[in-house]
Amino acid sequence: MPRYDAGSLADLEARLERDDPRFARSLASGRPIRPREYRRAGTWTALLVATGVLLVGVAVAHGLLIAAGLVFMGVAAQLLDPTRSPRGR
């Protein structure tokens, strides 16, 4: 049975603390939360707002609102992509 190097575990813990401090604190307290990659409430809200802007633009036949809604929907949809690179890299 292999013995784990305490140094590599400490490195893993330090990297977790650096990448997602909120998740690391929740693990230490014994009540884990979702990691950052799975917290998407703000993204869903942005997508709903963009959809609303698009629908209002269609309802009032205003081209600028339609264009803005489409652009914002594209940005919000890009944020939902699970394969996007992490922040800051």
PDB file of N, CA and C in Angstrom:
ATOM      1  N   MET A   1       0.839  -1.168   0.000  1.00  0.00           N
ATOM      2  CA  MET A   1       0.000   0.000   0.000  1.00  0.00           C
ATOM      3  C   MET A   1       0.894   1.243   0.000  1.00  0.00           C
ATOM      4  N   PRO A   2       0.669   2.149  -0.941  1.00  0.00           N
ATOM      5  CA  PRO A   2       1.556   3.317  -1.029  1.00  0.00           C
ATOM      6  C   PRO A   2       1.317   4.296   0.113  1.00  0.00           C
ATOM      7  N   ARG A   3       2.400   4.914   0.518  1.00  0.00           N
ATOM      8  CA  ARG A   3       2.297   5.961   1.543  1.00  0.00           C
ATOM      9  C   ARG A   3       2.263   7.302   0.833  1.00  0.00           C
ATOM     10  N   TYR A   4       1.366   8.129   1.264  1.00  0.00           N
ATOM     11  CA  TYR A   4       1.223   9.434   0.628  1.00  0.00           C
ATOM     12  C   TYR A   4       2.187  10.422   1.251  1.00  0.00           C
ATOM     13  N   ASP A   5       2.758  11.208   0.408  1.00  0.00           N
ATOM     14  CA  ASP A   5       3.701  12.219   0.842  1.00  0.00           C
ATOM     15  C   ASP A   5       2.927  13.375   1.470  1.00  0.00           C
ATOM     16  N   ALA A   6       3.256  13.724   2.684  1.00  0.00           N
ATOM     17  CA  ALA A   6       2.565  14.822   3.369  1.00  0.00           C
ATOM     18  C   ALA A   6       2.773  16.140   2.639  1.00  0.00           C
ATOM     19  N   GLY A   7       3.896  16.276   1.978  1.00  0.00           N
ATOM     20  CA  GLY A   7       4.170  17.499   1.223  1.00  0.00           C
ATOM     21  C   GLY A   7       3.220  17.669   0.052  1.00  0.00           C
ATOM     22  N   SER A   8       2.929  16.578  -0.652  1.00  0.00           N
ATOM     23  CA  SER A   8       2.022  16.689  -1.798  1.00  0.00           C
ATOM     24  C   SER A   8       0.601  16.986  -1.337  1.00  0.00           C
ATOM     25  N   LEU A   9       0.204  16.435  -0.195  1.00  0.00           N
ATOM     26  CA  LEU A   9      -1.121  16.758   0.345  1.00  0.00           C
ATOM     27  C   LEU A   9      -1.193  18.215   0.781  1.00  0.00           C
ATOM     28  N   ALA A  10      -0.111  18.718   1.351  1.00  0.00           N
ATOM     29  CA  ALA A  10      -0.078  20.129   1.747  1.00  0.00           C
ATOM     30  C   ALA A  10      -0.128  21.028   0.515  1.00  0.00           C
ATOM     31  N   ASP A  11       0.559  20.614  -0.558  1.00  0.00           N
ATOM     32  CA  ASP A  11       0.507  21.383  -1.808  1.00  0.00           C
ATOM     33  C   ASP A  11      -0.903  21.402  -2.381  1.00  0.00           C
ATOM     34  N   LEU A  12      -1.572  20.254  -2.330  1.00  0.00           N
ATOM     35  CA  LEU A  12      -2.943  20.168  -2.826  1.00  0.00           C
ATOM     36  C   LEU A  12      -3.872  21.066  -2.007  1.00  0.00           C
ATOM     37  N   GLU A  13      -3.693  21.056  -0.695  1.00  0.00           N
ATOM     38  CA  GLU A  13      -4.506  21.904   0.175  1.00  0.00           C
ATOM     39  C   GLU A  13      -4.255  23.388  -0.102  1.00  0.00           C
ATOM     40  N   ALA A  14      -3.004  23.761  -0.303  1.00  0.00           N
ATOM     41  CA  ALA A  14      -2.677  25.160  -0.592  1.00  0.00           C
ATOM     42  C   ALA A  14      -3.253  25.594  -1.931  1.00  0.00           C
ATOM     43  N   ARG A  15      -3.202  24.719  -2.919  1.00  0.00           N
ATOM     44  CA  ARG A  15      -3.760  25.061  -4.233  1.00  0.00           C
ATOM     45  C   ARG A  15      -5.278  25.210  -4.163  1.00  0.00           C
ATOM     46  N   LEU A  16      -5.933  24.335  -3.401  1.00  0.00           N
ATOM     47  CA  LEU A  16      -7.382  24.443  -3.226  1.00  0.00           C
ATOM     48  C   LEU A  16      -7.741  25.746  -2.528  1.00  0.00           C
ATOM     49  N   GLU A  17      -6.977  26.112  -1.515  1.00  0.00           N
ATOM     50  CA  GLU A  17      -7.225  27.371  -0.797  1.00  0.00           C
ATOM     51  C   GLU A  17      -7.029  28.568  -1.723  1.00  0.00           C
ATOM     52  N   ARG A  18      -6.057  28.512  -2.586  1.00  0.00           N
ATOM     53  CA  ARG A  18      -5.793  29.610  -3.515  1.00  0.00           C
ATOM     54  C   ARG A  18      -6.856  29.688  -4.614  1.00  0.00           C
ATOM     55  N   ASP A  19      -7.270  28.535  -5.158  1.00  0.00           N
ATOM     56  CA  ASP A  19      -8.224  28.514  -6.267  1.00  0.00           C
ATOM     57  C   ASP A  19      -9.642  28.864  -5.839  1.00  0.00           C
ATOM     58  N   ASP A  20     -10.092  28.335  -4.720  1.00  0.00           N
ATOM     59  CA  ASP A  20     -11.471  28.559  -4.278  1.00  0.00           C
ATOM     60  C   ASP A  20     -11.509  28.612  -2.751  1.00  0.00           C
ATOM     61  N   PRO A  21     -11.167  29.778  -2.168  1.00  0.00           N
ATOM     62  CA  PRO A  21     -11.091  29.862  -0.711  1.00  0.00           C
ATOM     63  C   PRO A  21     -12.425  29.597  -0.018  1.00  0.00           C
ATOM     64  N   ARG A  22     -13.522  29.981  -0.641  1.00  0.00           N
ATOM     65  CA  ARG A  22     -14.835  29.748  -0.020  1.00  0.00           C
ATOM     66  C   ARG A  22     -15.109  28.248   0.113  1.00  0.00           C
ATOM     67  N   PHE A  23     -14.781  27.482  -0.913  1.00  0.00           N
ATOM     68  CA  PHE A  23     -14.965  26.035  -0.876  1.00  0.00           C
ATOM     69  C   PHE A  23     -14.043  25.402   0.165  1.00  0.00           C
ATOM     70  N   ALA A  24     -12.801  25.866   0.237  1.00  0.00           N
ATOM     71  CA  ALA A  24     -11.849  25.320   1.207  1.00  0.00           C
ATOM     72  C   ALA A  24     -12.308  25.584   2.640  1.00  0.00           C
ATOM     73  N   ARG A  25     -12.821  26.797   2.900  1.00  0.00           N
ATOM     74  CA  ARG A  25     -13.332  27.099   4.248  1.00  0.00           C
ATOM     75  C   ARG A  25     -14.532  26.224   4.593  1.00  0.00           C
ATOM     76  N   SER A  26     -15.389  25.978   3.616  1.00  0.00           N
ATOM     77  CA  SER A  26     -16.565  25.159   3.896  1.00  0.00           C
ATOM     78  C   SER A  26     -16.175  23.709   4.171  1.00  0.00           C
ATOM     79  N   LEU A  27     -15.149  23.212   3.488  1.00  0.00           N
ATOM     80  CA  LEU A  27     -14.668  21.863   3.779  1.00  0.00           C
ATOM     81  C   LEU A  27     -14.085  21.783   5.182  1.00  0.00           C
ATOM     82  N   ALA A  28     -13.359  22.820   5.574  1.00  0.00           N
ATOM     83  CA  ALA A  28     -12.757  22.827   6.909  1.00  0.00           C
ATOM     84  C   ALA A  28     -13.822  22.868   7.996  1.00  0.00           C
ATOM     85  N   SER A  29     -14.950  23.524   7.713  1.00  0.00           N
ATOM     86  CA  SER A  29     -16.015  23.616   8.716  1.00  0.00           C
ATOM     87  C   SER A  29     -16.878  22.363   8.754  1.00  0.00           C
ATOM     88  N   GLY A  30     -16.728  21.488   7.765  1.00  0.00           N
ATOM     89  CA  GLY A  30     -17.506  20.256   7.749  1.00  0.00           C
ATOM     90  C   GLY A  30     -18.833  20.375   7.018  1.00  0.00           C
ATOM     91  N   ARG A  31     -19.108  21.531   6.413  1.00  0.00           N
ATOM     92  CA  ARG A  31     -20.350  21.733   5.658  1.00  0.00           C
ATOM     93  C   ARG A  31     -19.993  22.199   4.246  1.00  0.00           C
ATOM     94  N   PRO A  32     -19.620  21.263   3.374  1.00  0.00           N
ATOM     95  CA  PRO A  32     -19.150  21.653   2.045  1.00  0.00           C
ATOM     96  C   PRO A  32     -20.243  22.284   1.188  1.00  0.00           C
ATOM     97  N   ILE A  33     -19.816  23.213   0.348  1.00  0.00           N
ATOM     98  CA  ILE A  33     -20.689  23.848  -0.629  1.00  0.00           C
ATOM     99  C   ILE A  33     -20.207  23.447  -2.015  1.00  0.00           C
ATOM    100  N   ARG A  34     -20.911  23.880  -3.035  1.00  0.00           N
ATOM    101  CA  ARG A  34     -20.490  23.582  -4.396  1.00  0.00           C
ATOM    102  C   ARG A  34     -19.195  24.319  -4.718  1.00  0.00           C
ATOM    103  N   PRO A  35     -18.296  23.675  -5.460  1.00  0.00           N
ATOM    104  CA  PRO A  35     -17.111  24.396  -5.930  1.00  0.00           C
ATOM    105  C   PRO A  35     -17.506  25.504  -6.901  1.00  0.00           C
ATOM    106  N   ARG A  36     -16.618  26.425  -7.126  1.00  0.00           N
ATOM    107  CA  ARG A  36     -16.878  27.595  -7.966  1.00  0.00           C
ATOM    108  C   ARG A  36     -17.379  27.205  -9.353  1.00  0.00           C
ATOM    109  N   GLU A  37     -16.862  26.119  -9.908  1.00  0.00           N
ATOM    110  CA  GLU A  37     -17.249  25.728 -11.264  1.00  0.00           C
ATOM    111  C   GLU A  37     -18.728  25.416 -11.384  1.00  0.00           C
ATOM    112  N   TYR A  38     -19.371  25.053 -10.275  1.00  0.00           N
ATOM    113  CA  TYR A  38     -20.768  24.643 -10.322  1.00  0.00           C
ATOM    114  C   TYR A  38     -21.719  25.693  -9.773  1.00  0.00           C
ATOM    115  N   ARG A  39     -21.216  26.832  -9.370  1.00  0.00           N
ATOM    116  CA  ARG A  39     -22.080  27.915  -8.895  1.00  0.00           C
ATOM    117  C   ARG A  39     -22.391  28.818 -10.080  1.00  0.00           C
ATOM    118  N   ARG A  40     -23.592  28.746 -10.577  1.00  0.00           N
ATOM    119  CA  ARG A  40     -23.948  29.472 -11.788  1.00  0.00           C
ATOM    120  C   ARG A  40     -25.210  30.313 -11.636  1.00  0.00           C
ATOM    121  N   ALA A  41     -25.596  30.664 -10.422  1.00  0.00           N
ATOM    122  CA  ALA A  41     -26.823  31.441 -10.224  1.00  0.00           C
ATOM    123  C   ALA A  41     -26.743  32.792 -10.930  1.00  0.00           C
ATOM    124  N   GLY A  42     -25.626  33.466 -10.843  1.00  0.00           N
ATOM    125  CA  GLY A  42     -25.469  34.762 -11.502  1.00  0.00           C
ATOM    126  C   GLY A  42     -25.541  34.655 -13.013  1.00  0.00           C
ATOM    127  N   THR A  43     -25.020  33.571 -13.545  1.00  0.00           N
ATOM    128  CA  THR A  43     -25.052  33.370 -14.989  1.00  0.00           C
ATOM    129  C   THR A  43     -26.478  33.137 -15.473  1.00  0.00           C
ATOM    130  N   TRP A  44     -27.239  32.332 -14.719  1.00  0.00           N
ATOM    131  CA  TRP A  44     -28.639  32.103 -15.093  1.00  0.00           C
ATOM    132  C   TRP A  44     -29.436  33.400 -14.995  1.00  0.00           C
ATOM    133  N   THR A  45     -29.142  34.216 -14.002  1.00  0.00           N
ATOM    134  CA  THR A  45     -29.823  35.506 -13.875  1.00  0.00           C
ATOM    135  C   THR A  45     -29.506  36.395 -15.071  1.00  0.00           C
ATOM    136  N   ALA A  46     -28.248  36.430 -15.474  1.00  0.00           N
ATOM    137  CA  ALA A  46     -27.864  37.231 -16.642  1.00  0.00           C
ATOM    138  C   ALA A  46     -28.564  36.733 -17.902  1.00  0.00           C
ATOM    139  N   LEU A  47     -28.694  35.424 -18.037  1.00  0.00           N
ATOM    140  CA  LEU A  47     -29.377  34.867 -19.199  1.00  0.00           C
ATOM    141  C   LEU A  47     -30.856  35.248 -19.196  1.00  0.00           C
ATOM    142  N   LEU A  48     -31.493  35.226 -18.033  1.00  0.00           N
ATOM    143  CA  LEU A  48     -32.904  35.624 -17.941  1.00  0.00           C
ATOM    144  C   LEU A  48     -33.093  37.106 -18.251  1.00  0.00           C
ATOM    145  N   VAL A  49     -32.201  37.943 -17.743  1.00  0.00           N
ATOM    146  CA  VAL A  49     -32.292  39.382 -18.028  1.00  0.00           C
ATOM    147  C   VAL A  49     -32.090  39.634 -19.521  1.00  0.00           C
ATOM    148  N   ALA A  50     -31.127  38.960 -20.119  1.00  0.00           N
ATOM    149  CA  ALA A  50     -30.880  39.125 -21.554  1.00  0.00           C
ATOM    150  C   ALA A  50     -32.081  38.667 -22.374  1.00  0.00           C
ATOM    151  N   THR A  51     -32.710  37.581 -21.956  1.00  0.00           N
ATOM    152  CA  THR A  51     -33.915  37.118 -22.645  1.00  0.00           C
ATOM    153  C   THR A  51     -35.028  38.144 -22.521  1.00  0.00           C
ATOM    154  N   GLY A  52     -35.157  38.730 -21.332  1.00  0.00           N
ATOM    155  CA  GLY A  52     -36.158  39.782 -21.144  1.00  0.00           C
ATOM    156  C   GLY A  52     -35.909  40.981 -22.040  1.00  0.00           C
ATOM    157  N   VAL A  53     -34.657  41.398 -22.141  1.00  0.00           N
ATOM    158  CA  VAL A  53     -34.313  42.532 -23.017  1.00  0.00           C
ATOM    159  C   VAL A  53     -34.650  42.192 -24.465  1.00  0.00           C
ATOM    160  N   LEU A  54     -34.332  40.980 -24.882  1.00  0.00           N
ATOM    161  CA  LEU A  54     -34.639  40.564 -26.249  1.00  0.00           C
ATOM    162  C   LEU A  54     -36.145  40.567 -26.501  1.00  0.00           C
ATOM    163  N   LEU A  55     -36.916  40.022 -25.575  1.00  0.00           N
ATOM    164  CA  LEU A  55     -38.372  39.969 -25.754  1.00  0.00           C
ATOM    165  C   LEU A  55     -38.997  41.357 -25.762  1.00  0.00           C
ATOM    166  N   VAL A  56     -38.510  42.245 -24.904  1.00  0.00           N
ATOM    167  CA  VAL A  56     -39.015  43.623 -24.916  1.00  0.00           C
ATOM    168  C   VAL A  56     -38.663  44.284 -26.241  1.00  0.00           C
ATOM    169  N   GLY A  57     -37.465  44.046 -26.734  1.00  0.00           N
ATOM    170  CA  GLY A  57     -37.071  44.603 -28.024  1.00  0.00           C
ATOM    171  C   GLY A  57     -37.945  44.116 -29.159  1.00  0.00           C
ATOM    172  N   VAL A  58     -38.313  42.843 -29.129  1.00  0.00           N
ATOM    173  CA  VAL A  58     -39.199  42.299 -30.161  1.00  0.00           C
ATOM    174  C   VAL A  58     -40.599  42.885 -30.006  1.00  0.00           C
ATOM    175  N   ALA A  59     -41.075  43.011 -28.759  1.00  0.00           N
ATOM    176  CA  ALA A  59     -42.432  43.517 -28.512  1.00  0.00           C
ATOM    177  C   ALA A  59     -42.592  44.963 -28.968  1.00  0.00           C
ATOM    178  N   VAL A  60     -41.583  45.790 -28.751  1.00  0.00           N
ATOM    179  CA  VAL A  60     -41.697  47.203 -29.135  1.00  0.00           C
ATOM    180  C   VAL A  60     -41.045  47.476 -30.493  1.00  0.00           C
ATOM    181  N   ALA A  61     -40.566  46.436 -31.140  1.00  0.00           N
ATOM    182  CA  ALA A  61     -39.937  46.547 -32.461  1.00  0.00           C
ATOM    183  C   ALA A  61     -38.819  47.581 -32.473  1.00  0.00           C
ATOM    184  N   HIS A  62     -37.909  47.432 -31.508  1.00  0.00           N
ATOM    185  CA  HIS A  62     -36.786  48.355 -31.384  1.00  0.00           C
ATOM    186  C   HIS A  62     -35.504  47.572 -31.660  1.00  0.00           C
ATOM    187  N   GLY A  63     -34.844  47.898 -32.753  1.00  0.00           N
ATOM    188  CA  GLY A  63     -33.675  47.151 -33.204  1.00  0.00           C
ATOM    189  C   GLY A  63     -32.515  47.147 -32.233  1.00  0.00           C
ATOM    190  N   LEU A  64     -32.298  48.272 -31.547  1.00  0.00           N
ATOM    191  CA  LEU A  64     -31.180  48.344 -30.609  1.00  0.00           C
ATOM    192  C   LEU A  64     -31.388  47.399 -29.423  1.00  0.00           C
ATOM    193  N   LEU A  65     -32.617  47.308 -28.919  1.00  0.00           N
ATOM    194  CA  LEU A  65     -32.896  46.378 -27.819  1.00  0.00           C
ATOM    195  C   LEU A  65     -32.750  44.927 -28.274  1.00  0.00           C
ATOM    196  N   ILE A  66     -33.186  44.649 -29.487  1.00  0.00           N
ATOM    197  CA  ILE A  66     -33.042  43.289 -30.011  1.00  0.00           C
ATOM    198  C   ILE A  66     -31.559  42.926 -30.123  1.00  0.00           C
ATOM    199  N   ALA A  67     -30.772  43.828 -30.671  1.00  0.00           N
ATOM    200  CA  ALA A  67     -29.334  43.569 -30.819  1.00  0.00           C
ATOM    201  C   ALA A  67     -28.659  43.412 -29.460  1.00  0.00           C
ATOM    202  N   ALA A  68     -29.002  44.294 -28.518  1.00  0.00           N
ATOM    203  CA  ALA A  68     -28.409  44.195 -27.177  1.00  0.00           C
ATOM    204  C   ALA A  68     -28.804  42.884 -26.511  1.00  0.00           C
ATOM    205  N   GLY A  69     -30.066  42.489 -26.641  1.00  0.00           N
ATOM    206  CA  GLY A  69     -30.515  41.223 -26.062  1.00  0.00           C
ATOM    207  C   GLY A  69     -29.776  40.036 -26.637  1.00  0.00           C
ATOM    208  N   LEU A  70     -29.564  40.045 -27.943  1.00  0.00           N
ATOM    209  CA  LEU A  70     -28.833  38.940 -28.575  1.00  0.00           C
ATOM    210  C   LEU A  70     -27.376  38.888 -28.124  1.00  0.00           C
ATOM    211  N   VAL A  71     -26.753  40.047 -28.014  1.00  0.00           N
ATOM    212  CA  VAL A  71     -25.356  40.087 -27.563  1.00  0.00           C
ATOM    213  C   VAL A  71     -25.250  39.610 -26.120  1.00  0.00           C
ATOM    214  N   PHE A  72     -26.126  40.103 -25.252  1.00  0.00           N
ATOM    215  CA  PHE A  72     -26.078  39.697 -23.845  1.00  0.00           C
ATOM    216  C   PHE A  72     -26.398  38.215 -23.687  1.00  0.00           C
ATOM    217  N   MET A  73     -27.303  37.698 -24.508  1.00  0.00           N
ATOM    218  CA  MET A  73     -27.591  36.261 -24.447  1.00  0.00           C
ATOM    219  C   MET A  73     -26.366  35.447 -24.863  1.00  0.00           C
ATOM    220  N   GLY A  74     -25.638  35.917 -25.857  1.00  0.00           N
ATOM    221  CA  GLY A  74     -24.422  35.224 -26.270  1.00  0.00           C
ATOM    222  C   GLY A  74     -23.366  35.218 -25.183  1.00  0.00           C
ATOM    223  N   VAL A  75     -23.217  36.342 -24.506  1.00  0.00           N
ATOM    224  CA  VAL A  75     -22.244  36.424 -23.407  1.00  0.00           C
ATOM    225  C   VAL A  75     -22.650  35.496 -22.269  1.00  0.00           C
ATOM    226  N   ALA A  76     -23.929  35.516 -21.891  1.00  0.00           N
ATOM    227  CA  ALA A  76     -24.399  34.665 -20.796  1.00  0.00           C
ATOM    228  C   ALA A  76     -24.280  33.188 -21.163  1.00  0.00           C
ATOM    229  N   ALA A  77     -24.588  32.848 -22.402  1.00  0.00           N
ATOM    230  CA  ALA A  77     -24.459  31.452 -22.830  1.00  0.00           C
ATOM    231  C   ALA A  77     -22.998  31.009 -22.802  1.00  0.00           C
ATOM    232  N   GLN A  78     -22.088  31.899 -23.136  1.00  0.00           N
ATOM    233  CA  GLN A  78     -20.659  31.570 -23.071  1.00  0.00           C
ATOM    234  C   GLN A  78     -20.236  31.294 -21.631  1.00  0.00           C
ATOM    235  N   LEU A  79     -20.816  32.008 -20.679  1.00  0.00           N
ATOM    236  CA  LEU A  79     -20.481  31.786 -19.272  1.00  0.00           C
ATOM    237  C   LEU A  79     -20.980  30.434 -18.773  1.00  0.00           C
ATOM    238  N   LEU A  80     -21.998  29.873 -19.413  1.00  0.00           N
ATOM    239  CA  LEU A  80     -22.517  28.566 -19.013  1.00  0.00           C
ATOM    240  C   LEU A  80     -21.677  27.407 -19.539  1.00  0.00           C
ATOM    241  N   ASP A  81     -20.736  27.675 -20.415  1.00  0.00           N
ATOM    242  CA  ASP A  81     -19.922  26.634 -21.025  1.00  0.00           C
ATOM    243  C   ASP A  81     -19.069  25.942 -19.965  1.00  0.00           C
ATOM    244  N   PRO A  82     -19.244  24.628 -19.750  1.00  0.00           N
ATOM    245  CA  PRO A  82     -18.471  23.941 -18.713  1.00  0.00           C
ATOM    246  C   PRO A  82     -17.003  23.746 -19.071  1.00  0.00           C
ATOM    247  N   THR A  83     -16.638  23.908 -20.332  1.00  0.00           N
ATOM    248  CA  THR A  83     -15.248  23.679 -20.733  1.00  0.00           C
ATOM    249  C   THR A  83     -14.437  24.957 -20.796  1.00  0.00           C
ATOM    250  N   ARG A  84     -15.010  26.087 -20.359  1.00  0.00           N
ATOM    251  CA  ARG A  84     -14.259  27.340 -20.425  1.00  0.00           C
ATOM    252  C   ARG A  84     -13.094  27.297 -19.448  1.00  0.00           C
ATOM    253  N   SER A  85     -12.075  28.065 -19.748  1.00  0.00           N
ATOM    254  CA  SER A  85     -10.892  28.068 -18.894  1.00  0.00           C
ATOM    255  C   SER A  85     -11.203  28.787 -17.586  1.00  0.00           C
ATOM    256  N   PRO A  86     -10.539  28.398 -16.496  1.00  0.00           N
ATOM    257  CA  PRO A  86     -10.771  29.057 -15.211  1.00  0.00           C
ATOM    258  C   PRO A  86     -10.392  30.529 -15.256  1.00  0.00           C
ATOM    259  N   ARG A  87     -10.935  31.285 -14.339  1.00  0.00           N
ATOM    260  CA  ARG A  87     -10.640  32.722 -14.269  1.00  0.00           C
ATOM    261  C   ARG A  87      -9.167  32.950 -13.987  1.00  0.00           C
ATOM    262  N   GLY A  88      -8.657  33.992 -14.605  1.00  0.00           N
ATOM    263  CA  GLY A  88      -7.289  34.391 -14.316  1.00  0.00           C
ATOM    264  C   GLY A  88      -6.226  33.555 -15.000  1.00  0.00           C
ATOM    265  N   ARG A  89      -6.612  32.710 -15.913  1.00  0.00           N
ATOM    266  CA  ARG A  89      -5.604  31.882 -16.585  1.00  0.00           C
ATOM    267  C   ARG A  89      -5.707  32.044 -18.055  1.00  0.00           C
TER     268      ARG A  89
END
